[in-house]
Amino acid sequence: MLAGDLVGDSAFIKFDADVVFDIQMLKNLIASEYATCLCIDKNMDIDDEEIKVIIGDQGRVVKVSKSVNPKDAVGESIGIEKISSETAQHLFAELEIMMADEQNHQEYYEGAYERLIEKNVPFYALDISGLAWTEIDTKEDLVTAEKIFSRLS
């Protein structure tokens, strides 16, 4: 949200800062036919902590939330997205609306995606299953990441 003034009405790619990934994922994201899409890993053991995704017709995201039942989810959103200039305008406006209510101050940004999806703003899923990525939250996660990416070197 704080980048809104800098982004303006430009398209952009958003990365969660704690995710490391194979560069091929970024290449696939840029080349994707979808103007707005979420990188989805379908090969994950999904539990309540992950941002889970339900997909409808033609890869369109129907729901993206931690509250999705893992049994209903097609995969996990990994925190890397391509946002079109049109969607960016909607997104920053929605974030402003959300942050005007103090109850939303601890909400995940995916809450804005969810609200936009409900308003018929299209988001699509880009399947990145099989490409290396991991989230680093702990020292143990860092060790895991080093193992994953040392095999790719």
C-alpha atoms as a PDB file:
ATOM      1  CA  MET A   1       0.000   0.000   0.000  1.00  0.00           C
ATOM      2  CA  LEU A   2       2.851   2.360   0.807  1.00  0.00           C
ATOM      3  CA  ALA A   3       4.179   1.905  -2.739  1.00  0.00           C
ATOM      4  CA  GLY A   4       0.934   3.110  -4.318  1.00  0.00           C
ATOM      5  CA  ASP A   5       2.186   6.621  -5.054  1.00  0.00           C
ATOM      6  CA  LEU A   6       5.345   5.253  -6.657  1.00  0.00           C
ATOM      7  CA  VAL A   7       3.547   2.594  -8.677  1.00  0.00           C
ATOM      8  CA  GLY A   8       0.809   4.947  -9.842  1.00  0.00           C
ATOM      9  CA  ASP A   9      -1.084   3.299 -12.670  1.00  0.00           C
ATOM     10  CA  SER A  10       1.782   1.007 -13.734  1.00  0.00           C
ATOM     11  CA  ALA A  11       1.661  -2.753 -13.884  1.00  0.00           C
ATOM     12  CA  PHE A  12       4.001  -4.428 -11.399  1.00  0.00           C
ATOM     13  CA  ILE A  13       5.182  -7.711  -9.943  1.00  0.00           C
ATOM     14  CA  LYS A  14       4.825  -8.150  -6.180  1.00  0.00           C
ATOM     15  CA  PHE A  15       7.078 -10.479  -4.204  1.00  0.00           C
ATOM     16  CA  ASP A  16       6.724 -11.472  -0.578  1.00  0.00           C
ATOM     17  CA  ALA A  17      10.144 -10.563   0.803  1.00  0.00           C
ATOM     18  CA  ASP A  18      10.607 -13.924   2.518  1.00  0.00           C
ATOM     19  CA  VAL A  19      10.215 -16.055  -0.641  1.00  0.00           C
ATOM     20  CA  VAL A  20      13.217 -17.251  -2.645  1.00  0.00           C
ATOM     21  CA  PHE A  21      12.590 -18.866  -6.006  1.00  0.00           C
ATOM     22  CA  ASP A  22      13.953 -20.239  -9.246  1.00  0.00           C
ATOM     23  CA  ILE A  23      14.398 -17.415 -11.797  1.00  0.00           C
ATOM     24  CA  GLN A  24      12.349 -19.469 -14.289  1.00  0.00           C
ATOM     25  CA  MET A  25       9.292 -18.647 -12.186  1.00  0.00           C
ATOM     26  CA  LEU A  26       9.753 -14.931 -12.846  1.00  0.00           C
ATOM     27  CA  LYS A  27      10.265 -15.591 -16.559  1.00  0.00           C
ATOM     28  CA  ASN A  28       7.037 -17.634 -16.660  1.00  0.00           C
ATOM     29  CA  LEU A  29       5.173 -14.931 -14.769  1.00  0.00           C
ATOM     30  CA  ILE A  30       6.305 -12.174 -17.125  1.00  0.00           C
ATOM     31  CA  ALA A  31       5.467 -14.300 -20.171  1.00  0.00           C
ATOM     32  CA  SER A  32       2.063 -15.355 -18.844  1.00  0.00           C
ATOM     33  CA  GLU A  33      -0.933 -14.512 -21.010  1.00  0.00           C
ATOM     34  CA  TYR A  34      -2.690 -13.267 -17.878  1.00  0.00           C
ATOM     35  CA  ALA A  35      -2.362  -9.565 -17.022  1.00  0.00           C
ATOM     36  CA  THR A  36      -3.083 -10.291 -13.345  1.00  0.00           C
ATOM     37  CA  CYS A  37      -2.116 -13.634 -11.882  1.00  0.00           C
ATOM     38  CA  LEU A  38      -0.980 -15.391  -8.734  1.00  0.00           C
ATOM     39  CA  CYS A  39       1.787 -17.995  -8.718  1.00  0.00           C
ATOM     40  CA  ILE A  40       0.191 -21.198  -7.442  1.00  0.00           C
ATOM     41  CA  ASP A  41       1.943 -24.373  -6.334  1.00  0.00           C
ATOM     42  CA  LYS A  42      -0.349 -27.365  -6.703  1.00  0.00           C
ATOM     43  CA  ASN A  43       2.151 -29.831  -5.229  1.00  0.00           C
ATOM     44  CA  MET A  44       2.007 -28.629  -1.635  1.00  0.00           C
ATOM     45  CA  ASP A  45       0.684 -30.260   1.497  1.00  0.00           C
ATOM     46  CA  ILE A  46      -1.767 -27.532   2.383  1.00  0.00           C
ATOM     47  CA  ASP A  47      -2.861 -26.793   5.931  1.00  0.00           C
ATOM     48  CA  ASP A  48      -4.619 -23.929   7.679  1.00  0.00           C
ATOM     49  CA  GLU A  49      -1.579 -21.595   7.637  1.00  0.00           C
ATOM     50  CA  GLU A  50      -1.206 -21.313   3.853  1.00  0.00           C
ATOM     51  CA  ILE A  51      -2.996 -18.908   1.525  1.00  0.00           C
ATOM     52  CA  LYS A  52      -5.159 -21.396  -0.335  1.00  0.00           C
ATOM     53  CA  VAL A  53      -6.672 -20.907  -3.779  1.00  0.00           C
ATOM     54  CA  ILE A  54      -9.840 -22.135  -5.458  1.00  0.00           C
ATOM     55  CA  ILE A  55      -9.854 -21.873  -9.242  1.00  0.00           C
ATOM     56  CA  GLY A  56     -12.856 -21.757 -11.556  1.00  0.00           C
ATOM     57  CA  ASP A  57     -13.210 -21.711 -15.317  1.00  0.00           C
ATOM     58  CA  GLN A  58     -10.153 -21.014 -17.475  1.00  0.00           C
ATOM     59  CA  GLY A  59      -7.831 -20.649 -14.502  1.00  0.00           C
ATOM     60  CA  ARG A  60      -9.721 -17.749 -12.954  1.00  0.00           C
ATOM     61  CA  VAL A  61      -9.278 -17.460  -9.187  1.00  0.00           C
ATOM     62  CA  VAL A  62     -12.570 -17.788  -7.320  1.00  0.00           C
ATOM     63  CA  LYS A  63     -11.180 -17.506  -3.788  1.00  0.00           C
ATOM     64  CA  VAL A  64      -7.779 -16.810  -2.221  1.00  0.00           C
ATOM     65  CA  SER A  65      -7.615 -16.941   1.562  1.00  0.00           C
ATOM     66  CA  LYS A  66      -6.278 -18.699   4.638  1.00  0.00           C
ATOM     67  CA  SER A  67      -9.904 -19.501   5.440  1.00  0.00           C
ATOM     68  CA  VAL A  68     -10.359 -21.752   2.388  1.00  0.00           C
ATOM     69  CA  ASN A  69     -10.840 -25.387   3.364  1.00  0.00           C
ATOM     70  CA  PRO A  70      -7.615 -27.189   2.338  1.00  0.00           C
ATOM     71  CA  LYS A  71      -9.741 -29.960   0.778  1.00  0.00           C
ATOM     72  CA  ASP A  72     -11.325 -27.423  -1.586  1.00  0.00           C
ATOM     73  CA  ALA A  73      -8.076 -25.734  -2.612  1.00  0.00           C
ATOM     74  CA  VAL A  74      -6.232 -26.474  -5.831  1.00  0.00           C
ATOM     75  CA  GLY A  75      -2.978 -25.167  -4.370  1.00  0.00           C
ATOM     76  CA  GLU A  76      -1.152 -22.530  -2.393  1.00  0.00           C
ATOM     77  CA  SER A  77      -0.527 -18.939  -3.454  1.00  0.00           C
ATOM     78  CA  ILE A  78       3.193 -18.485  -2.840  1.00  0.00           C
ATOM     79  CA  GLY A  79       3.258 -14.686  -2.538  1.00  0.00           C
ATOM     80  CA  ILE A  80       4.421 -13.738  -6.028  1.00  0.00           C
ATOM     81  CA  GLU A  81       1.927 -11.976  -8.285  1.00  0.00           C
ATOM     82  CA  LYS A  82       1.733 -10.002 -11.518  1.00  0.00           C
ATOM     83  CA  ILE A  83      -0.695  -7.092 -11.234  1.00  0.00           C
ATOM     84  CA  SER A  84      -1.952  -5.239 -14.318  1.00  0.00           C
ATOM     85  CA  SER A  85      -2.151  -1.457 -14.374  1.00  0.00           C
ATOM     86  CA  GLU A  86      -5.960  -1.616 -14.274  1.00  0.00           C
ATOM     87  CA  THR A  87      -5.957  -4.045 -11.346  1.00  0.00           C
ATOM     88  CA  ALA A  88      -3.302  -1.936  -9.585  1.00  0.00           C
ATOM     89  CA  GLN A  89      -5.674   1.029  -9.548  1.00  0.00           C
ATOM     90  CA  HIS A  90      -8.434  -1.133  -8.048  1.00  0.00           C
ATOM     91  CA  LEU A  91      -5.994  -2.729  -5.598  1.00  0.00           C
ATOM     92  CA  PHE A  92      -4.621   0.494  -4.134  1.00  0.00           C
ATOM     93  CA  ALA A  93      -8.134   1.939  -3.874  1.00  0.00           C
ATOM     94  CA  GLU A  94      -9.307  -1.214  -2.070  1.00  0.00           C
ATOM     95  CA  LEU A  95      -6.352  -1.103   0.305  1.00  0.00           C
ATOM     96  CA  GLU A  96      -7.210   2.524   1.156  1.00  0.00           C
ATOM     97  CA  ILE A  97     -10.791   1.486   1.933  1.00  0.00           C
ATOM     98  CA  MET A  98      -9.614  -1.421   4.048  1.00  0.00           C
ATOM     99  CA  MET A  99      -7.086   0.620   6.030  1.00  0.00           C
ATOM    100  CA  ALA A 100      -9.692   3.292   6.827  1.00  0.00           C
ATOM    101  CA  ASP A 101     -11.188   0.678   9.178  1.00  0.00           C
ATOM    102  CA  GLU A 102      -8.885  -0.052  12.110  1.00  0.00           C
ATOM    103  CA  GLN A 103     -10.213  -3.623  12.285  1.00  0.00           C
ATOM    104  CA  ASN A 104      -8.402  -4.339   8.997  1.00  0.00           C
ATOM    105  CA  HIS A 105      -4.974  -3.112  10.086  1.00  0.00           C
ATOM    106  CA  GLN A 106      -3.695  -6.646  10.699  1.00  0.00           C
ATOM    107  CA  GLU A 107      -5.332  -8.194   7.627  1.00  0.00           C
ATOM    108  CA  TYR A 108      -3.249  -9.945   5.008  1.00  0.00           C
ATOM    109  CA  TYR A 109      -2.963  -8.165   1.644  1.00  0.00           C
ATOM    110  CA  GLU A 110      -4.731 -11.139   0.079  1.00  0.00           C
ATOM    111  CA  GLY A 111      -7.837  -9.771   1.790  1.00  0.00           C
ATOM    112  CA  ALA A 112      -7.792  -6.975  -0.787  1.00  0.00           C
ATOM    113  CA  TYR A 113      -7.470  -9.574  -3.567  1.00  0.00           C
ATOM    114  CA  GLU A 114     -10.432 -11.429  -2.104  1.00  0.00           C
ATOM    115  CA  ARG A 115     -12.533  -8.263  -2.014  1.00  0.00           C
ATOM    116  CA  LEU A 116     -11.601  -7.435  -5.617  1.00  0.00           C
ATOM    117  CA  ILE A 117     -12.441 -10.964  -6.771  1.00  0.00           C
ATOM    118  CA  GLU A 118     -15.863 -10.556  -5.149  1.00  0.00           C
ATOM    119  CA  LYS A 119     -16.231  -7.323  -7.186  1.00  0.00           C
ATOM    120  CA  ASN A 120     -15.485  -9.321 -10.366  1.00  0.00           C
ATOM    121  CA  VAL A 121     -11.926  -8.020 -10.875  1.00  0.00           C
ATOM    122  CA  PRO A 122     -10.212 -10.928 -12.663  1.00  0.00           C
ATOM    123  CA  PHE A 123      -7.272 -12.731 -11.069  1.00  0.00           C
ATOM    124  CA  TYR A 124      -5.852 -15.878 -12.672  1.00  0.00           C
ATOM    125  CA  ALA A 125      -3.663 -18.715 -11.456  1.00  0.00           C
ATOM    126  CA  LEU A 126      -0.231 -19.418 -12.905  1.00  0.00           C
ATOM    127  CA  ASP A 127       0.818 -22.973 -12.065  1.00  0.00           C
ATOM    128  CA  ILE A 128       4.455 -22.949 -10.958  1.00  0.00           C
ATOM    129  CA  SER A 129       4.382 -26.499  -9.584  1.00  0.00           C
ATOM    130  CA  GLY A 130       7.723 -28.223  -9.945  1.00  0.00           C
ATOM    131  CA  LEU A 131       9.794 -25.029  -9.815  1.00  0.00           C
ATOM    132  CA  ALA A 132      11.967 -24.502  -6.751  1.00  0.00           C
ATOM    133  CA  TRP A 133      10.837 -21.993  -4.147  1.00  0.00           C
ATOM    134  CA  THR A 134      10.598 -21.709  -0.404  1.00  0.00           C
ATOM    135  CA  GLU A 135       9.627 -19.253   2.275  1.00  0.00           C
ATOM    136  CA  ILE A 136      12.250 -18.260   4.856  1.00  0.00           C
ATOM    137  CA  ASP A 137      10.839 -17.417   8.273  1.00  0.00           C
ATOM    138  CA  THR A 138      13.300 -19.225  10.545  1.00  0.00           C
ATOM    139  CA  LYS A 139      16.932 -20.324  10.667  1.00  0.00           C
ATOM    140  CA  GLU A 140      15.730 -23.840   9.827  1.00  0.00           C
ATOM    141  CA  ASP A 141      13.957 -22.454   6.746  1.00  0.00           C
ATOM    142  CA  LEU A 142      17.239 -20.834   5.676  1.00  0.00           C
ATOM    143  CA  VAL A 143      19.036 -24.176   5.950  1.00  0.00           C
ATOM    144  CA  THR A 144      16.284 -25.794   3.854  1.00  0.00           C
ATOM    145  CA  ALA A 145      16.565 -23.028   1.243  1.00  0.00           C
ATOM    146  CA  GLU A 146      20.328 -23.477   1.045  1.00  0.00           C
ATOM    147  CA  LYS A 147      19.838 -27.202   0.405  1.00  0.00           C
ATOM    148  CA  ILE A 148      17.185 -26.619  -2.268  1.00  0.00           C
ATOM    149  CA  PHE A 149      19.132 -23.997  -4.154  1.00  0.00           C
ATOM    150  CA  SER A 150      22.566 -25.604  -3.815  1.00  0.00           C
ATOM    151  CA  ARG A 151      21.191 -28.512  -5.884  1.00  0.00           C
ATOM    152  CA  LEU A 152      20.212 -26.062  -8.643  1.00  0.00           C
ATOM    153  CA  SER A 153      23.662 -24.452  -8.927  1.00  0.00           C
END
